[in-house]
Amino acid sequence: MYVVMNELKVDPEHKDDLKSRFEKSLERMKEVPGCLEFLFLESETETDILVAYTKWDTKESYENWLESDAFKKAHGGKSGKEQSSTTTNQLRAFEVALHT
């Protein structure tokens, strides 16, 4: 398994808009091949931090999604290598070493 956490630092005036965009993605993520889980997290202590958490069956499935039309549609036509003007982000990816 492969886990990706995208930590988004969001300008306060764009936070609700960004949350709304991710909310619209919830059902679509269920249809993405290889996507096992999608969570959207809001920090209790840092009001400008949101995290998009995805769990994949393989790294290859994640990489395929980054180049897919579904990804571009969800991100306003941008590929996985482009960044939104309303946020900065830090992407962290992990191979799952242990799992219950």
PDB file of N, CA and C in Angstrom:
ATOM      1  N   MET A   1       0.835  -1.184   0.000  1.00  0.00           N
ATOM      2  CA  MET A   1       0.000   0.000   0.000  1.00  0.00           C
ATOM      3  C   MET A   1       0.880   1.249   0.000  1.00  0.00           C
ATOM      4  N   TYR A   2       0.268   2.326  -0.442  1.00  0.00           N
ATOM      5  CA  TYR A   2       0.961   3.595  -0.599  1.00  0.00           C
ATOM      6  C   TYR A   2       0.053   4.700  -0.047  1.00  0.00           C
ATOM      7  N   VAL A   3       0.598   5.583   0.785  1.00  0.00           N
ATOM      8  CA  VAL A   3      -0.166   6.669   1.394  1.00  0.00           C
ATOM      9  C   VAL A   3       0.439   8.003   0.978  1.00  0.00           C
ATOM     10  N   VAL A   4      -0.430   8.931   0.606  1.00  0.00           N
ATOM     11  CA  VAL A   4       0.008  10.278   0.243  1.00  0.00           C
ATOM     12  C   VAL A   4      -0.775  11.276   1.089  1.00  0.00           C
ATOM     13  N   MET A   5      -0.036  12.192   1.719  1.00  0.00           N
ATOM     14  CA  MET A   5      -0.648  13.262   2.497  1.00  0.00           C
ATOM     15  C   MET A   5      -0.217  14.590   1.888  1.00  0.00           C
ATOM     16  N   ASN A   6      -1.189  15.348   1.469  1.00  0.00           N
ATOM     17  CA  ASN A   6      -0.931  16.656   0.877  1.00  0.00           C
ATOM     18  C   ASN A   6      -1.353  17.719   1.891  1.00  0.00           C
ATOM     19  N   GLU A   7      -0.359  18.313   2.569  1.00  0.00           N
ATOM     20  CA  GLU A   7      -0.639  19.344   3.569  1.00  0.00           C
ATOM     21  C   GLU A   7      -0.748  20.687   2.865  1.00  0.00           C
ATOM     22  N   LEU A   8      -1.912  21.296   2.985  1.00  0.00           N
ATOM     23  CA  LEU A   8      -2.209  22.545   2.301  1.00  0.00           C
ATOM     24  C   LEU A   8      -2.240  23.691   3.298  1.00  0.00           C
ATOM     25  N   LYS A   9      -1.441  24.702   3.039  1.00  0.00           N
ATOM     26  CA  LYS A   9      -1.501  25.930   3.841  1.00  0.00           C
ATOM     27  C   LYS A   9      -2.384  26.893   3.057  1.00  0.00           C
ATOM     28  N   VAL A  10      -3.488  27.285   3.663  1.00  0.00           N
ATOM     29  CA  VAL A  10      -4.544  27.982   2.943  1.00  0.00           C
ATOM     30  C   VAL A  10      -4.749  29.382   3.506  1.00  0.00           C
ATOM     31  N   ASP A  11      -4.844  30.356   2.609  1.00  0.00           N
ATOM     32  CA  ASP A  11      -5.232  31.699   3.036  1.00  0.00           C
ATOM     33  C   ASP A  11      -6.637  31.617   3.626  1.00  0.00           C
ATOM     34  N   PRO A  12      -6.882  32.243   4.769  1.00  0.00           N
ATOM     35  CA  PRO A  12      -8.193  32.135   5.421  1.00  0.00           C
ATOM     36  C   PRO A  12      -9.373  32.463   4.503  1.00  0.00           C
ATOM     37  N   GLU A  13      -9.202  33.420   3.615  1.00  0.00           N
ATOM     38  CA  GLU A  13     -10.315  33.788   2.732  1.00  0.00           C
ATOM     39  C   GLU A  13     -10.625  32.720   1.682  1.00  0.00           C
ATOM     40  N   HIS A  14      -9.741  31.750   1.487  1.00  0.00           N
ATOM     41  CA  HIS A  14      -9.961  30.688   0.502  1.00  0.00           C
ATOM     42  C   HIS A  14     -10.279  29.337   1.137  1.00  0.00           C
ATOM     43  N   LYS A  15     -10.237  29.252   2.449  1.00  0.00           N
ATOM     44  CA  LYS A  15     -10.382  27.962   3.137  1.00  0.00           C
ATOM     45  C   LYS A  15     -11.730  27.294   2.841  1.00  0.00           C
ATOM     46  N   ASP A  16     -12.821  28.018   2.980  1.00  0.00           N
ATOM     47  CA  ASP A  16     -14.136  27.424   2.738  1.00  0.00           C
ATOM     48  C   ASP A  16     -14.305  26.989   1.289  1.00  0.00           C
ATOM     49  N   ASP A  17     -13.780  27.776   0.355  1.00  0.00           N
ATOM     50  CA  ASP A  17     -13.852  27.404  -1.059  1.00  0.00           C
ATOM     51  C   ASP A  17     -13.091  26.111  -1.323  1.00  0.00           C
ATOM     52  N   LEU A  18     -11.914  25.993  -0.739  1.00  0.00           N
ATOM     53  CA  LEU A  18     -11.108  24.792  -0.945  1.00  0.00           C
ATOM     54  C   LEU A  18     -11.789  23.573  -0.331  1.00  0.00           C
ATOM     55  N   LYS A  19     -12.330  23.725   0.867  1.00  0.00           N
ATOM     56  CA  LYS A  19     -13.055  22.620   1.498  1.00  0.00           C
ATOM     57  C   LYS A  19     -14.234  22.187   0.630  1.00  0.00           C
ATOM     58  N   SER A  20     -14.926  23.130   0.054  1.00  0.00           N
ATOM     59  CA  SER A  20     -16.063  22.825  -0.818  1.00  0.00           C
ATOM     60  C   SER A  20     -15.621  22.048  -2.055  1.00  0.00           C
ATOM     61  N   ARG A  21     -14.497  22.441  -2.647  1.00  0.00           N
ATOM     62  CA  ARG A  21     -13.976  21.722  -3.819  1.00  0.00           C
ATOM     63  C   ARG A  21     -13.642  20.281  -3.471  1.00  0.00           C
ATOM     64  N   PHE A  22     -12.999  20.067  -2.323  1.00  0.00           N
ATOM     65  CA  PHE A  22     -12.656  18.705  -1.922  1.00  0.00           C
ATOM     66  C   PHE A  22     -13.908  17.897  -1.590  1.00  0.00           C
ATOM     67  N   GLU A  23     -14.917  18.535  -1.024  1.00  0.00           N
ATOM     68  CA  GLU A  23     -16.163  17.837  -0.714  1.00  0.00           C
ATOM     69  C   GLU A  23     -16.792  17.270  -1.986  1.00  0.00           C
ATOM     70  N   LYS A  24     -16.705  18.017  -3.071  1.00  0.00           N
ATOM     71  CA  LYS A  24     -17.239  17.555  -4.352  1.00  0.00           C
ATOM     72  C   LYS A  24     -16.461  16.362  -4.896  1.00  0.00           C
ATOM     73  N   SER A  25     -15.234  16.166  -4.426  1.00  0.00           N
ATOM     74  CA  SER A  25     -14.392  15.067  -4.903  1.00  0.00           C
ATOM     75  C   SER A  25     -14.639  13.749  -4.178  1.00  0.00           C
ATOM     76  N   LEU A  26     -15.336  13.794  -3.058  1.00  0.00           N
ATOM     77  CA  LEU A  26     -15.492  12.590  -2.238  1.00  0.00           C
ATOM     78  C   LEU A  26     -16.039  11.400  -3.022  1.00  0.00           C
ATOM     79  N   GLU A  27     -17.140  11.586  -3.717  1.00  0.00           N
ATOM     80  CA  GLU A  27     -17.746  10.476  -4.462  1.00  0.00           C
ATOM     81  C   GLU A  27     -16.886  10.060  -5.644  1.00  0.00           C
ATOM     82  N   ARG A  28     -16.276  11.027  -6.309  1.00  0.00           N
ATOM     83  CA  ARG A  28     -15.431  10.697  -7.471  1.00  0.00           C
ATOM     84  C   ARG A  28     -14.234   9.852  -7.071  1.00  0.00           C
ATOM     85  N   MET A  29     -13.681  10.098  -5.889  1.00  0.00           N
ATOM     86  CA  MET A  29     -12.503   9.333  -5.459  1.00  0.00           C
ATOM     87  C   MET A  29     -12.825   7.856  -5.267  1.00  0.00           C
ATOM     88  N   LYS A  30     -14.077   7.535  -4.972  1.00  0.00           N
ATOM     89  CA  LYS A  30     -14.485   6.132  -4.829  1.00  0.00           C
ATOM     90  C   LYS A  30     -14.348   5.374  -6.145  1.00  0.00           C
ATOM     91  N   GLU A  31     -14.371   6.096  -7.254  1.00  0.00           N
ATOM     92  CA  GLU A  31     -14.312   5.482  -8.579  1.00  0.00           C
ATOM     93  C   GLU A  31     -12.899   5.420  -9.155  1.00  0.00           C
ATOM     94  N   VAL A  32     -11.936   6.022  -8.489  1.00  0.00           N
ATOM     95  CA  VAL A  32     -10.565   6.061  -9.006  1.00  0.00           C
ATOM     96  C   VAL A  32      -9.907   4.698  -8.794  1.00  0.00           C
ATOM     97  N   PRO A  33      -9.434   4.074  -9.865  1.00  0.00           N
ATOM     98  CA  PRO A  33      -8.796   2.759  -9.725  1.00  0.00           C
ATOM     99  C   PRO A  33      -7.621   2.801  -8.754  1.00  0.00           C
ATOM    100  N   GLY A  34      -7.650   1.901  -7.780  1.00  0.00           N
ATOM    101  CA  GLY A  34      -6.550   1.782  -6.833  1.00  0.00           C
ATOM    102  C   GLY A  34      -6.667   2.642  -5.594  1.00  0.00           C
ATOM    103  N   CYS A  35      -7.599   3.594  -5.573  1.00  0.00           N
ATOM    104  CA  CYS A  35      -7.770   4.444  -4.391  1.00  0.00           C
ATOM    105  C   CYS A  35      -8.569   3.673  -3.350  1.00  0.00           C
ATOM    106  N   LEU A  36      -7.950   3.432  -2.206  1.00  0.00           N
ATOM    107  CA  LEU A  36      -8.583   2.669  -1.139  1.00  0.00           C
ATOM    108  C   LEU A  36      -9.290   3.557  -0.122  1.00  0.00           C
ATOM    109  N   GLU A  37      -8.785   4.777   0.049  1.00  0.00           N
ATOM    110  CA  GLU A  37      -9.363   5.660   1.061  1.00  0.00           C
ATOM    111  C   GLU A  37      -8.988   7.107   0.765  1.00  0.00           C
ATOM    112  N   PHE A  38      -9.929   8.004   1.040  1.00  0.00           N
ATOM    113  CA  PHE A  38      -9.696   9.439   0.903  1.00  0.00           C
ATOM    114  C   PHE A  38     -10.258  10.129   2.143  1.00  0.00           C
ATOM    115  N   LEU A  39      -9.426  10.899   2.806  1.00  0.00           N
ATOM    116  CA  LEU A  39      -9.845  11.688   3.966  1.00  0.00           C
ATOM    117  C   LEU A  39      -9.406  13.132   3.750  1.00  0.00           C
ATOM    118  N   PHE A  40     -10.217  14.060   4.207  1.00  0.00           N
ATOM    119  CA  PHE A  40      -9.845  15.471   4.174  1.00  0.00           C
ATOM    120  C   PHE A  40      -9.828  15.952   5.611  1.00  0.00           C
ATOM    121  N   LEU A  41      -8.668  16.379   6.086  1.00  0.00           N
ATOM    122  CA  LEU A  41      -8.446  16.670   7.498  1.00  0.00           C
ATOM    123  C   LEU A  41      -8.276  18.164   7.739  1.00  0.00           C
ATOM    124  N   GLU A  42      -8.825  18.615   8.855  1.00  0.00           N
ATOM    125  CA  GLU A  42      -8.700  20.010   9.256  1.00  0.00           C
ATOM    126  C   GLU A  42      -8.012  20.043  10.617  1.00  0.00           C
ATOM    127  N   SER A  43      -6.934  20.793  10.718  1.00  0.00           N
ATOM    128  CA  SER A  43      -6.173  20.878  11.962  1.00  0.00           C
ATOM    129  C   SER A  43      -6.993  21.537  13.069  1.00  0.00           C
ATOM    130  N   GLU A  44      -6.890  20.977  14.268  1.00  0.00           N
ATOM    131  CA  GLU A  44      -7.556  21.584  15.424  1.00  0.00           C
ATOM    132  C   GLU A  44      -6.785  22.792  15.950  1.00  0.00           C
ATOM    133  N   THR A  45      -5.491  22.841  15.690  1.00  0.00           N
ATOM    134  CA  THR A  45      -4.658  23.893  16.274  1.00  0.00           C
ATOM    135  C   THR A  45      -4.142  24.914  15.266  1.00  0.00           C
ATOM    136  N   GLU A  46      -4.017  24.528  14.011  1.00  0.00           N
ATOM    137  CA  GLU A  46      -3.508  25.437  12.977  1.00  0.00           C
ATOM    138  C   GLU A  46      -4.639  25.717  11.995  1.00  0.00           C
ATOM    139  N   THR A  47      -5.257  26.875  12.120  1.00  0.00           N
ATOM    140  CA  THR A  47      -6.465  27.167  11.350  1.00  0.00           C
ATOM    141  C   THR A  47      -6.223  27.323   9.856  1.00  0.00           C
ATOM    142  N   ASP A  48      -4.976  27.451   9.453  1.00  0.00           N
ATOM    143  CA  ASP A  48      -4.674  27.607   8.029  1.00  0.00           C
ATOM    144  C   ASP A  48      -4.171  26.311   7.389  1.00  0.00           C
ATOM    145  N   ILE A  49      -4.277  25.174   8.088  1.00  0.00           N
ATOM    146  CA  ILE A  49      -3.769  23.904   7.576  1.00  0.00           C
ATOM    147  C   ILE A  49      -4.913  22.927   7.312  1.00  0.00           C
ATOM    148  N   LEU A  50      -4.927  22.369   6.107  1.00  0.00           N
ATOM    149  CA  LEU A  50      -5.823  21.287   5.717  1.00  0.00           C
ATOM    150  C   LEU A  50      -4.953  20.179   5.140  1.00  0.00           C
ATOM    151  N   VAL A  51      -5.394  18.933   5.250  1.00  0.00           N
ATOM    152  CA  VAL A  51      -4.620  17.812   4.718  1.00  0.00           C
ATOM    153  C   VAL A  51      -5.534  16.909   3.901  1.00  0.00           C
ATOM    154  N   ALA A  52      -5.128  16.628   2.677  1.00  0.00           N
ATOM    155  CA  ALA A  52      -5.793  15.619   1.857  1.00  0.00           C
ATOM    156  C   ALA A  52      -4.980  14.331   1.993  1.00  0.00           C
ATOM    157  N   TYR A  53      -5.622  13.296   2.527  1.00  0.00           N
ATOM    158  CA  TYR A  53      -4.972  12.009   2.797  1.00  0.00           C
ATOM    159  C   TYR A  53      -5.567  10.978   1.850  1.00  0.00           C
ATOM    160  N   THR A  54      -4.717  10.292   1.111  1.00  0.00           N
ATOM    161  CA  THR A  54      -5.196   9.215   0.246  1.00  0.00           C
ATOM    162  C   THR A  54      -4.381   7.955   0.491  1.00  0.00           C
ATOM    163  N   LYS A  55      -5.070   6.820   0.423  1.00  0.00           N
ATOM    164  CA  LYS A  55      -4.410   5.518   0.553  1.00  0.00           C
ATOM    165  C   LYS A  55      -4.673   4.751  -0.737  1.00  0.00           C
ATOM    166  N   TRP A  56      -3.606   4.175  -1.287  1.00  0.00           N
ATOM    167  CA  TRP A  56      -3.647   3.523  -2.592  1.00  0.00           C
ATOM    168  C   TRP A  56      -3.186   2.076  -2.482  1.00  0.00           C
ATOM    169  N   ASP A  57      -3.637   1.249  -3.421  1.00  0.00           N
ATOM    170  CA  ASP A  57      -3.165  -0.139  -3.432  1.00  0.00           C
ATOM    171  C   ASP A  57      -1.695  -0.211  -3.826  1.00  0.00           C
ATOM    172  N   THR A  58      -1.263   0.676  -4.736  1.00  0.00           N
ATOM    173  CA  THR A  58       0.139   0.717  -5.165  1.00  0.00           C
ATOM    174  C   THR A  58       0.545   2.154  -5.492  1.00  0.00           C
ATOM    175  N   LYS A  59       1.835   2.396  -5.509  1.00  0.00           N
ATOM    176  CA  LYS A  59       2.361   3.697  -5.933  1.00  0.00           C
ATOM    177  C   LYS A  59       1.976   3.961  -7.384  1.00  0.00           C
ATOM    178  N   GLU A  60       2.000   2.930  -8.202  1.00  0.00           N
ATOM    179  CA  GLU A  60       1.651   3.073  -9.618  1.00  0.00           C
ATOM    180  C   GLU A  60       0.218   3.586  -9.794  1.00  0.00           C
ATOM    181  N   SER A  61      -0.718   3.097  -8.983  1.00  0.00           N
ATOM    182  CA  SER A  61      -2.103   3.582  -9.066  1.00  0.00           C
ATOM    183  C   SER A  61      -2.172   5.073  -8.771  1.00  0.00           C
ATOM    184  N   TYR A  62      -1.435   5.512  -7.756  1.00  0.00           N
ATOM    185  CA  TYR A  62      -1.392   6.937  -7.423  1.00  0.00           C
ATOM    186  C   TYR A  62      -0.822   7.744  -8.586  1.00  0.00           C
ATOM    187  N   GLU A  63       0.287   7.293  -9.148  1.00  0.00           N
ATOM    188  CA  GLU A  63       0.918   8.014 -10.254  1.00  0.00           C
ATOM    189  C   GLU A  63       0.009   8.052 -11.480  1.00  0.00           C
ATOM    190  N   ASN A  64      -0.708   6.975 -11.743  1.00  0.00           N
ATOM    191  CA  ASN A  64      -1.654   6.962 -12.859  1.00  0.00           C
ATOM    192  C   ASN A  64      -2.757   7.991 -12.649  1.00  0.00           C
ATOM    193  N   TRP A  65      -3.239   8.106 -11.413  1.00  0.00           N
ATOM    194  CA  TRP A  65      -4.279   9.085 -11.110  1.00  0.00           C
ATOM    195  C   TRP A  65      -3.775  10.508 -11.347  1.00  0.00           C
ATOM    196  N   LEU A  66      -2.519  10.792 -10.983  1.00  0.00           N
ATOM    197  CA  LEU A  66      -1.965  12.136 -11.180  1.00  0.00           C
ATOM    198  C   LEU A  66      -2.000  12.579 -12.638  1.00  0.00           C
ATOM    199  N   GLU A  67      -1.885  11.633 -13.543  1.00  0.00           N
ATOM    200  CA  GLU A  67      -1.860  11.961 -14.972  1.00  0.00           C
ATOM    201  C   GLU A  67      -3.221  11.786 -15.643  1.00  0.00           C
ATOM    202  N   SER A  68      -4.228  11.432 -14.869  1.00  0.00           N
ATOM    203  CA  SER A  68      -5.541  11.127 -15.442  1.00  0.00           C
ATOM    204  C   SER A  68      -6.365  12.382 -15.715  1.00  0.00           C
ATOM    205  N   ASP A  69      -7.347  12.231 -16.603  1.00  0.00           N
ATOM    206  CA  ASP A  69      -8.296  13.308 -16.857  1.00  0.00           C
ATOM    207  C   ASP A  69      -9.112  13.619 -15.603  1.00  0.00           C
ATOM    208  N   ALA A  70      -9.392  12.602 -14.787  1.00  0.00           N
ATOM    209  CA  ALA A  70     -10.151  12.807 -13.546  1.00  0.00           C
ATOM    210  C   ALA A  70      -9.399  13.742 -12.603  1.00  0.00           C
ATOM    211  N   PHE A  71      -8.090  13.571 -12.500  1.00  0.00           N
ATOM    212  CA  PHE A  71      -7.287  14.455 -11.647  1.00  0.00           C
ATOM    213  C   PHE A  71      -7.322  15.881 -12.186  1.00  0.00           C
ATOM    214  N   LYS A  72      -7.103  16.020 -13.485  1.00  0.00           N
ATOM    215  CA  LYS A  72      -7.091  17.356 -14.087  1.00  0.00           C
ATOM    216  C   LYS A  72      -8.438  18.054 -13.911  1.00  0.00           C
ATOM    217  N   LYS A  73      -9.525  17.294 -14.062  1.00  0.00           N
ATOM    218  CA  LYS A  73     -10.858  17.873 -13.887  1.00  0.00           C
ATOM    219  C   LYS A  73     -11.054  18.344 -12.447  1.00  0.00           C
ATOM    220  N   ALA A  74     -10.623  17.534 -11.494  1.00  0.00           N
ATOM    221  CA  ALA A  74     -10.772  17.878 -10.077  1.00  0.00           C
ATOM    222  C   ALA A  74      -9.899  19.062  -9.679  1.00  0.00           C
ATOM    223  N   HIS A  75      -8.833  19.298 -10.430  1.00  0.00           N
ATOM    224  CA  HIS A  75      -7.890  20.364 -10.097  1.00  0.00           C
ATOM    225  C   HIS A  75      -7.914  21.494 -11.126  1.00  0.00           C
ATOM    226  N   GLY A  76      -9.053  21.722 -11.720  1.00  0.00           N
ATOM    227  CA  GLY A  76      -9.217  22.848 -12.632  1.00  0.00           C
ATOM    228  C   GLY A  76      -8.370  22.762 -13.877  1.00  0.00           C
ATOM    229  N   GLY A  77      -8.153  21.545 -14.386  1.00  0.00           N
ATOM    230  CA  GLY A  77      -7.390  21.356 -15.602  1.00  0.00           C
ATOM    231  C   GLY A  77      -5.901  21.253 -15.405  1.00  0.00           C
ATOM    232  N   LYS A  78      -5.439  21.319 -14.156  1.00  0.00           N
ATOM    233  CA  LYS A  78      -4.008  21.270 -13.871  1.00  0.00           C
ATOM    234  C   LYS A  78      -3.556  19.835 -13.675  1.00  0.00           C
ATOM    235  N   SER A  79      -2.338  19.557 -14.095  1.00  0.00           N
ATOM    236  CA  SER A  79      -1.758  18.238 -13.840  1.00  0.00           C
ATOM    237  C   SER A  79      -1.225  18.207 -12.415  1.00  0.00           C
ATOM    238  N   GLY A  80      -0.746  17.052 -11.983  1.00  0.00           N
ATOM    239  CA  GLY A  80      -0.223  16.896 -10.636  1.00  0.00           C
ATOM    240  C   GLY A  80       1.024  17.702 -10.354  1.00  0.00           C
ATOM    241  N   LYS A  81       1.640  18.261 -11.371  1.00  0.00           N
ATOM    242  CA  LYS A  81       2.882  19.001 -11.183  1.00  0.00           C
ATOM    243  C   LYS A  81       2.655  20.504 -11.013  1.00  0.00           C
ATOM    244  N   GLU A  82       1.411  20.971 -11.231  1.00  0.00           N
ATOM    245  CA  GLU A  82       1.102  22.388 -11.101  1.00  0.00           C
ATOM    246  C   GLU A  82       0.501  22.666  -9.724  1.00  0.00           C
ATOM    247  N   GLN A  83       0.628  23.903  -9.264  1.00  0.00           N
ATOM    248  CA  GLN A  83       0.179  24.268  -7.923  1.00  0.00           C
ATOM    249  C   GLN A  83      -0.876  25.367  -7.982  1.00  0.00           C
ATOM    250  N   SER A  84      -1.847  25.300  -7.081  1.00  0.00           N
ATOM    251  CA  SER A  84      -2.895  26.301  -6.986  1.00  0.00           C
ATOM    252  C   SER A  84      -2.321  27.630  -6.499  1.00  0.00           C
ATOM    253  N   SER A  85      -2.922  28.712  -6.937  1.00  0.00           N
ATOM    254  CA  SER A  85      -2.460  30.027  -6.490  1.00  0.00           C
ATOM    255  C   SER A  85      -2.990  30.381  -5.105  1.00  0.00           C
ATOM    256  N   THR A  86      -3.967  29.637  -4.588  1.00  0.00           N
ATOM    257  CA  THR A  86      -4.556  29.983  -3.296  1.00  0.00           C
ATOM    258  C   THR A  86      -3.909  29.247  -2.131  1.00  0.00           C
ATOM    259  N   THR A  87      -3.014  28.318  -2.395  1.00  0.00           N
ATOM    260  CA  THR A  87      -2.393  27.545  -1.322  1.00  0.00           C
ATOM    261  C   THR A  87      -0.926  27.287  -1.619  1.00  0.00           C
ATOM    262  N   THR A  88      -0.214  26.948  -0.572  1.00  0.00           N
ATOM    263  CA  THR A  88       1.077  26.293  -0.742  1.00  0.00           C
ATOM    264  C   THR A  88       0.875  24.894  -0.186  1.00  0.00           C
ATOM    265  N   ASN A  89       1.698  23.974  -0.609  1.00  0.00           N
ATOM    266  CA  ASN A  89       1.493  22.617  -0.124  1.00  0.00           C
ATOM    267  C   ASN A  89       2.811  21.898   0.093  1.00  0.00           C
ATOM    268  N   GLN A  90       2.720  20.876   0.931  1.00  0.00           N
ATOM    269  CA  GLN A  90       3.842  19.971   1.154  1.00  0.00           C
ATOM    270  C   GLN A  90       3.300  18.560   0.978  1.00  0.00           C
ATOM    271  N   LEU A  91       3.830  17.875  -0.010  1.00  0.00           N
ATOM    272  CA  LEU A  91       3.387  16.525  -0.329  1.00  0.00           C
ATOM    273  C   LEU A  91       4.314  15.523   0.342  1.00  0.00           C
ATOM    274  N   ARG A  92       3.714  14.574   1.055  1.00  0.00           N
ATOM    275  CA  ARG A  92       4.484  13.512   1.704  1.00  0.00           C
ATOM    276  C   ARG A  92       3.895  12.187   1.267  1.00  0.00           C
ATOM    277  N   ALA A  93       4.766  11.280   0.834  1.00  0.00           N
ATOM    278  CA  ALA A  93       4.316   9.974   0.358  1.00  0.00           C
ATOM    279  C   ALA A  93       5.069   8.880   1.096  1.00  0.00           C
ATOM    280  N   PHE A  94       4.359   7.780   1.357  1.00  0.00           N
ATOM    281  CA  PHE A  94       4.916   6.696   2.156  1.00  0.00           C
ATOM    282  C   PHE A  94       4.502   5.342   1.606  1.00  0.00           C
ATOM    283  N   GLU A  95       5.429   4.404   1.588  1.00  0.00           N
ATOM    284  CA  GLU A  95       5.086   2.998   1.413  1.00  0.00           C
ATOM    285  C   GLU A  95       4.661   2.496   2.784  1.00  0.00           C
ATOM    286  N   VAL A  96       3.568   1.772   2.861  1.00  0.00           N
ATOM    287  CA  VAL A  96       3.094   1.259   4.146  1.00  0.00           C
ATOM    288  C   VAL A  96       3.973   0.086   4.554  1.00  0.00           C
ATOM    289  N   ALA A  97       4.613   0.213   5.712  1.00  0.00           N
ATOM    290  CA  ALA A  97       5.509  -0.830   6.211  1.00  0.00           C
ATOM    291  C   ALA A  97       4.760  -1.847   7.066  1.00  0.00           C
ATOM    292  N   LEU A  98       3.818  -1.369   7.875  1.00  0.00           N
ATOM    293  CA  LEU A  98       3.028  -2.237   8.752  1.00  0.00           C
ATOM    294  C   LEU A  98       1.581  -1.770   8.718  1.00  0.00           C
ATOM    295  N   HIS A  99       0.655  -2.709   8.838  1.00  0.00           N
ATOM    296  CA  HIS A  99      -0.766  -2.372   8.773  1.00  0.00           C
ATOM    297  C   HIS A  99      -1.553  -3.411   9.555  1.00  0.00           C
ATOM    298  N   THR A 100      -2.610  -2.983  10.245  1.00  0.00           N
ATOM    299  CA  THR A 100      -3.435  -3.952  10.976  1.00  0.00           C
ATOM    300  C   THR A 100      -4.488  -4.544  10.075  1.00  0.00           C
TER     301      THR A 100
END
